[in-house]
């Protein structure tokens, strides 16, 4: 109760939770200027309404001063990247300092939040360029790895193709040699000696080649010399060269044996 005219209402205080947003500009350890927005949620302690009303004229300014003091003490110890990572540590430091200071005046600090970190525009642009360059570097590494894998796999495929091709040619020549051997054996059984059999086989292959060329209407291949005697002459030359080679080999062996003796 109050006595009319003598007593009057000095003022009113809300017991609801209130929020004060404080924007601070400070410098980091790596000399980057940054703006931080710190939101302080607080309320009046019901048991200390008298202190809250009479001990402080401007509680907002008091809270703002403490926030400035704590932030400008903590942020200069951190690099810019650490400010983003450790913003919760800054908020906890602000809350601890405010609680210790404002409890005496009847105010309870509910929570403090670092809600925004805004570096200089040029710094943000540089950070974006660094991030983009790092991602391009990673992409280039992946592209290089992919290209290297393609080259290696292509080389493996070509090597396997060459191996199979060589194996096919070897098998083909082996079968040709086996066929020629069988042909010579058949001709020998009917009284034709090896040289005559070889000449007959060469002539037969010569005509087979001419026949296969004649089947290709758009072929530009010209076979020179184009006569049966050419095949026989080639065979004689081959036999002569093999004989000469064998004689040279025997002569070399004899010379080596004489040196050893």
Protein backbone atom coordinates (compact mmCIF):
# COMPACT_ATOMS: atom_id res chain seq x y z
CA UNK A 1 0.00 0.00 0.00
CA UNK A 2 1.02 3.61 -0.50
CA UNK A 3 -0.20 6.78 1.07
CA UNK A 4 -1.68 9.18 -1.54
CA UNK A 5 0.28 12.35 -2.17
CA UNK A 6 3.03 11.18 0.25
CA UNK A 7 3.98 7.87 -1.44
CA UNK A 8 4.48 7.44 -5.19
CA UNK A 9 5.75 4.77 -7.63
CA UNK A 10 9.47 5.34 -8.18
CA UNK A 11 9.65 3.16 -11.30
CA UNK A 12 8.94 -0.21 -12.83
CA UNK A 13 11.27 -3.10 -13.69
CA UNK A 14 10.41 -6.05 -15.92
CA UNK A 15 11.27 -9.47 -14.58
CA UNK A 16 11.18 -10.99 -18.07
CA UNK A 17 14.33 -12.18 -19.82
CA UNK A 18 15.70 -9.37 -21.98
CA UNK A 19 18.31 -9.31 -24.73
CA UNK A 20 20.98 -6.75 -25.48
CA UNK A 21 22.90 -6.89 -28.79
CA UNK A 22 26.41 -5.41 -28.66
CA UNK A 23 28.53 -4.87 -31.77
CA UNK A 24 32.27 -4.67 -31.18
CA UNK A 25 35.07 -3.98 -33.63
CA UNK A 26 38.47 -5.38 -32.66
CA UNK A 27 41.68 -6.79 -34.12
CA UNK A 28 42.82 -10.40 -34.21
CA UNK A 29 46.28 -11.82 -33.56
CA UNK A 30 47.05 -11.80 -37.30
CA UNK A 31 46.12 -8.08 -37.58
CA UNK A 32 42.70 -8.50 -39.16
CA UNK A 33 39.93 -6.13 -38.08
CA UNK A 34 36.67 -7.92 -37.40
CA UNK A 35 33.22 -6.97 -36.12
CA UNK A 36 31.50 -9.28 -33.61
CA UNK A 37 27.88 -9.20 -32.57
CA UNK A 38 27.40 -10.46 -29.01
CA UNK A 39 23.86 -11.07 -27.77
CA UNK A 40 23.46 -10.96 -23.97
CA UNK A 41 20.31 -12.45 -22.43
CA UNK A 42 19.70 -11.28 -18.88
CA UNK A 43 16.94 -10.68 -16.29
CA UNK A 44 16.41 -8.95 -12.98
CA UNK A 45 16.71 -11.20 -9.93
CA UNK A 46 13.35 -10.92 -8.09
CA UNK A 47 15.05 -10.90 -4.69
CA UNK A 48 17.33 -8.05 -5.76
CA UNK A 49 14.91 -5.69 -7.46
CA UNK A 50 15.93 -2.90 -5.08
CA UNK A 51 19.62 -3.23 -6.09
CA UNK A 52 18.74 -3.48 -9.77
CA UNK A 53 16.72 -0.26 -9.64
CA UNK A 54 18.78 1.92 -7.34
CA UNK A 55 22.38 0.82 -7.86
CA UNK A 56 22.50 1.25 -11.68
CA UNK A 57 21.03 4.06 -13.73
CA UNK A 58 21.91 2.56 -17.11
CA UNK A 59 22.35 -1.24 -16.92
CA UNK A 60 22.59 -1.54 -20.73
CA UNK A 61 25.65 0.68 -20.80
CA UNK A 62 27.23 -1.24 -17.93
CA UNK A 63 26.71 -4.57 -19.68
CA UNK A 64 28.01 -3.13 -22.96
CA UNK A 65 31.19 -1.91 -21.25
CA UNK A 66 31.92 -5.35 -19.81
CA UNK A 67 31.27 -7.03 -23.17
CA UNK A 68 33.67 -4.62 -24.90
CA UNK A 69 36.30 -5.21 -22.24
CA UNK A 70 36.14 -9.02 -22.41
CA UNK A 71 35.94 -9.32 -26.21
CA UNK A 72 38.82 -6.92 -26.77
CA UNK A 73 40.86 -8.91 -24.28
CA UNK A 74 40.11 -12.35 -25.77
CA UNK A 75 39.96 -11.84 -29.57
CA UNK A 76 43.44 -10.25 -29.97
CA UNK A 77 44.86 -13.54 -28.62
CA UNK A 78 43.36 -15.50 -31.54
CA UNK A 79 43.91 -15.68 -35.26
CA UNK A 80 40.95 -14.98 -37.52
CA UNK A 81 40.26 -18.66 -38.22
CA UNK A 82 40.36 -19.39 -34.48
CA UNK A 83 37.78 -16.68 -33.83
CA UNK A 84 35.28 -18.61 -35.95
CA UNK A 85 36.20 -21.92 -34.35
CA UNK A 86 36.32 -20.70 -30.74
CA UNK A 87 33.39 -18.29 -30.70
CA UNK A 88 31.78 -20.36 -27.94
CA UNK A 89 34.87 -19.80 -25.78
CA UNK A 90 34.47 -16.04 -26.27
CA UNK A 91 30.79 -16.26 -25.29
CA UNK A 92 31.63 -18.25 -22.14
CA UNK A 93 34.30 -15.74 -21.15
CA UNK A 94 31.83 -12.87 -21.58
CA UNK A 95 29.14 -14.66 -19.52
CA UNK A 96 31.57 -15.46 -16.70
CA UNK A 97 32.80 -11.87 -16.47
CA UNK A 98 29.28 -10.41 -16.63
CA UNK A 99 27.90 -12.78 -14.01
CA UNK A 100 30.62 -11.87 -11.55
CA UNK A 101 30.08 -8.16 -12.16
CA UNK A 102 26.29 -7.85 -12.59
CA UNK A 103 25.19 -10.21 -9.81
CA UNK A 104 26.05 -7.48 -7.32
CA UNK A 105 23.60 -5.13 -9.04
CA UNK A 106 20.72 -7.58 -9.07
CA UNK A 107 21.08 -8.87 -12.64
CA UNK A 108 21.43 -12.50 -13.68
CA UNK A 109 23.14 -13.24 -17.01
CA UNK A 110 21.22 -16.13 -18.58
CA UNK A 111 23.31 -16.66 -21.71
CA UNK A 112 25.70 -14.90 -24.07
CA UNK A 113 25.98 -15.74 -27.76
CA UNK A 114 28.41 -14.62 -30.46
CA UNK A 115 25.82 -14.38 -33.22
CA UNK A 116 27.89 -12.78 -35.99
CA UNK A 117 31.55 -12.51 -37.03
CA UNK A 118 32.14 -10.10 -39.87
CA UNK A 119 35.72 -9.52 -41.12
CA UNK A 120 36.66 -6.75 -43.50
CA UNK A 121 35.27 -7.19 -47.03
CA UNK A 122 38.73 -7.52 -48.57
CA UNK A 123 39.65 -10.19 -46.01
CA UNK A 124 36.48 -12.16 -46.80
CA UNK A 125 37.24 -11.93 -50.51
CA UNK A 126 40.79 -13.18 -49.88
CA UNK A 127 39.47 -16.05 -47.76
CA UNK A 128 37.08 -17.00 -50.54
CA UNK A 129 39.93 -16.94 -53.06
CA UNK A 130 42.04 -19.16 -50.79
CA UNK A 131 39.16 -21.58 -50.41
CA UNK A 132 38.51 -21.61 -54.16
CA UNK A 133 42.22 -22.10 -54.93
CA UNK A 134 42.42 -24.97 -52.46
CA UNK A 135 39.40 -26.65 -54.02
CA UNK A 136 40.82 -26.14 -57.52
CA UNK A 137 44.09 -27.68 -56.34
CA UNK A 138 42.21 -30.69 -54.97
CA UNK A 139 40.19 -30.99 -58.18
CA UNK A 140 43.39 -30.80 -60.25
CA UNK A 141 44.94 -33.57 -58.14
CA UNK A 142 41.89 -35.78 -58.66
CA UNK A 143 41.91 -35.03 -62.39
CA UNK A 144 45.63 -35.81 -62.55
CA UNK A 145 45.12 -39.09 -60.71
CA UNK A 146 42.28 -40.00 -63.07
CA UNK A 147 44.36 -39.13 -66.14
CA UNK A 148 47.31 -41.16 -64.80
CA UNK A 149 45.04 -44.14 -64.17
CA UNK A 150 43.67 -43.89 -67.71
CA UNK A 151 47.19 -43.75 -69.16
CA UNK A 152 48.34 -46.72 -67.07
CA UNK A 153 45.27 -48.78 -67.96
CA UNK A 154 45.61 -47.87 -71.62
CA UNK A 155 49.29 -48.89 -71.58
CA UNK A 156 48.37 -52.16 -69.88
CA UNK A 157 45.69 -52.81 -72.47
CA UNK A 158 48.10 -52.07 -75.33
CA UNK A 159 50.76 -54.29 -73.77
CA UNK A 160 48.25 -57.11 -73.37
CA UNK A 161 47.08 -56.57 -76.95
CA UNK A 162 50.66 -56.73 -78.25
CA UNK A 163 51.33 -59.84 -76.18
CA UNK A 164 48.25 -61.59 -77.52
CA UNK A 165 49.03 -60.41 -81.04
CA UNK A 166 52.58 -61.76 -80.77
CA UNK A 167 51.29 -65.00 -79.34
CA UNK A 168 48.83 -65.26 -82.22
CA UNK A 169 51.54 -64.64 -84.79
CA UNK A 170 53.78 -67.21 -83.12
CA UNK A 171 50.98 -69.76 -83.07
CA UNK A 172 50.21 -68.98 -86.69
CA UNK A 173 53.82 -69.48 -87.75
CA UNK A 174 54.06 -72.64 -85.67
CA UNK A 175 51.02 -74.07 -87.42
CA UNK A 176 52.37 -73.03 -90.83
CA UNK A 177 55.67 -74.74 -90.06
CA UNK A 178 53.84 -77.86 -88.88
CA UNK A 179 51.74 -77.84 -92.05
CA UNK A 180 54.80 -77.46 -94.24
CA UNK A 181 56.50 -80.27 -92.38
CA UNK A 182 53.51 -82.53 -92.92
CA UNK A 183 53.35 -81.55 -96.59
CA UNK A 184 57.02 -82.38 -97.09
CA UNK A 185 56.55 -85.75 -95.36
CA UNK A 186 53.58 -86.60 -97.63
CA UNK A 187 55.55 -85.65 -100.78
CA UNK A 188 58.58 -87.64 -99.59
CA UNK A 189 56.43 -90.75 -99.23
CA UNK A 190 55.45 -90.52 -102.91
CA UNK A 191 59.08 -90.25 -104.06
CA UNK A 192 59.60 -86.49 -104.15
CA UNK A 193 62.75 -85.32 -102.36
CA UNK A 194 62.79 -82.45 -99.84
CA UNK A 195 64.12 -79.82 -102.25
CA UNK A 196 61.53 -80.63 -104.90
CA UNK A 197 58.82 -80.71 -102.24
CA UNK A 198 59.88 -77.29 -100.93
CA UNK A 199 59.87 -75.85 -104.47
CA UNK A 200 56.41 -77.30 -105.08
CA UNK A 201 55.10 -75.78 -101.81
CA UNK A 202 56.56 -72.38 -102.68
CA UNK A 203 54.92 -72.45 -106.11
CA UNK A 204 51.61 -73.48 -104.56
CA UNK A 205 51.76 -70.64 -102.04
CA UNK A 206 52.68 -68.26 -104.85
CA UNK A 207 49.53 -69.13 -106.76
CA UNK A 208 47.44 -69.01 -103.56
CA UNK A 209 48.71 -65.47 -103.00
CA UNK A 210 47.83 -64.46 -106.57
CA UNK A 211 44.37 -65.93 -106.12
CA UNK A 212 43.74 -64.01 -102.88
CA UNK A 213 44.91 -60.78 -104.54
CA UNK A 214 42.58 -61.40 -107.48
CA UNK A 215 39.60 -61.67 -105.13
CA UNK A 216 40.11 -58.09 -103.91
CA UNK A 217 38.71 -55.82 -106.63
CA UNK A 218 39.88 -52.58 -104.95
CA UNK A 219 43.38 -53.80 -104.06
CA UNK A 220 46.34 -51.59 -105.07
CA UNK A 221 48.94 -54.22 -104.16
CA UNK A 222 51.41 -55.23 -106.90
CA UNK A 223 53.41 -58.46 -106.47
CA UNK A 224 56.91 -58.27 -107.99
CA UNK A 225 58.38 -60.41 -109.48
CA UNK A 226 55.20 -62.13 -110.60
CA UNK A 227 56.34 -65.49 -111.97
CA UNK A 228 56.61 -69.07 -110.65
CA UNK A 229 60.38 -69.00 -111.21
CA UNK A 230 60.59 -66.12 -108.74
CA UNK A 231 59.40 -68.38 -105.95
CA UNK A 232 61.85 -71.10 -106.92
CA UNK A 233 64.70 -68.61 -107.09
CA UNK A 234 63.77 -67.26 -103.67
CA UNK A 235 63.80 -70.79 -102.28
CA UNK A 236 67.23 -71.49 -103.81
CA UNK A 237 68.58 -68.23 -102.39
CA UNK A 238 67.22 -69.11 -98.95
CA UNK A 239 68.76 -72.59 -99.06
CA UNK A 240 72.08 -71.13 -100.20
CA UNK A 241 72.03 -68.54 -97.41
CA UNK A 242 71.20 -71.18 -94.77
CA UNK A 243 74.06 -73.38 -96.06
CA UNK A 244 76.51 -70.46 -96.01
CA UNK A 245 75.38 -69.52 -92.52
CA UNK A 246 75.92 -73.06 -91.25
CA UNK A 247 79.40 -73.17 -92.84
CA UNK A 248 80.34 -69.85 -91.22
CA UNK A 249 79.08 -71.10 -87.86
CA UNK A 250 81.13 -74.29 -88.15
CA UNK A 251 84.23 -72.29 -89.10
CA UNK A 252 83.82 -70.03 -86.05
CA UNK A 253 83.44 -73.05 -83.76
CA UNK A 254 86.63 -74.64 -85.18
CA UNK A 255 88.53 -71.37 -84.70
CA UNK A 256 87.44 -71.14 -81.06
CA UNK A 257 88.41 -74.75 -80.43
CA UNK A 258 91.89 -74.16 -81.87
CA UNK A 259 92.39 -71.14 -79.59
CA UNK A 260 91.43 -73.17 -76.53
CA UNK A 261 93.91 -75.89 -77.48
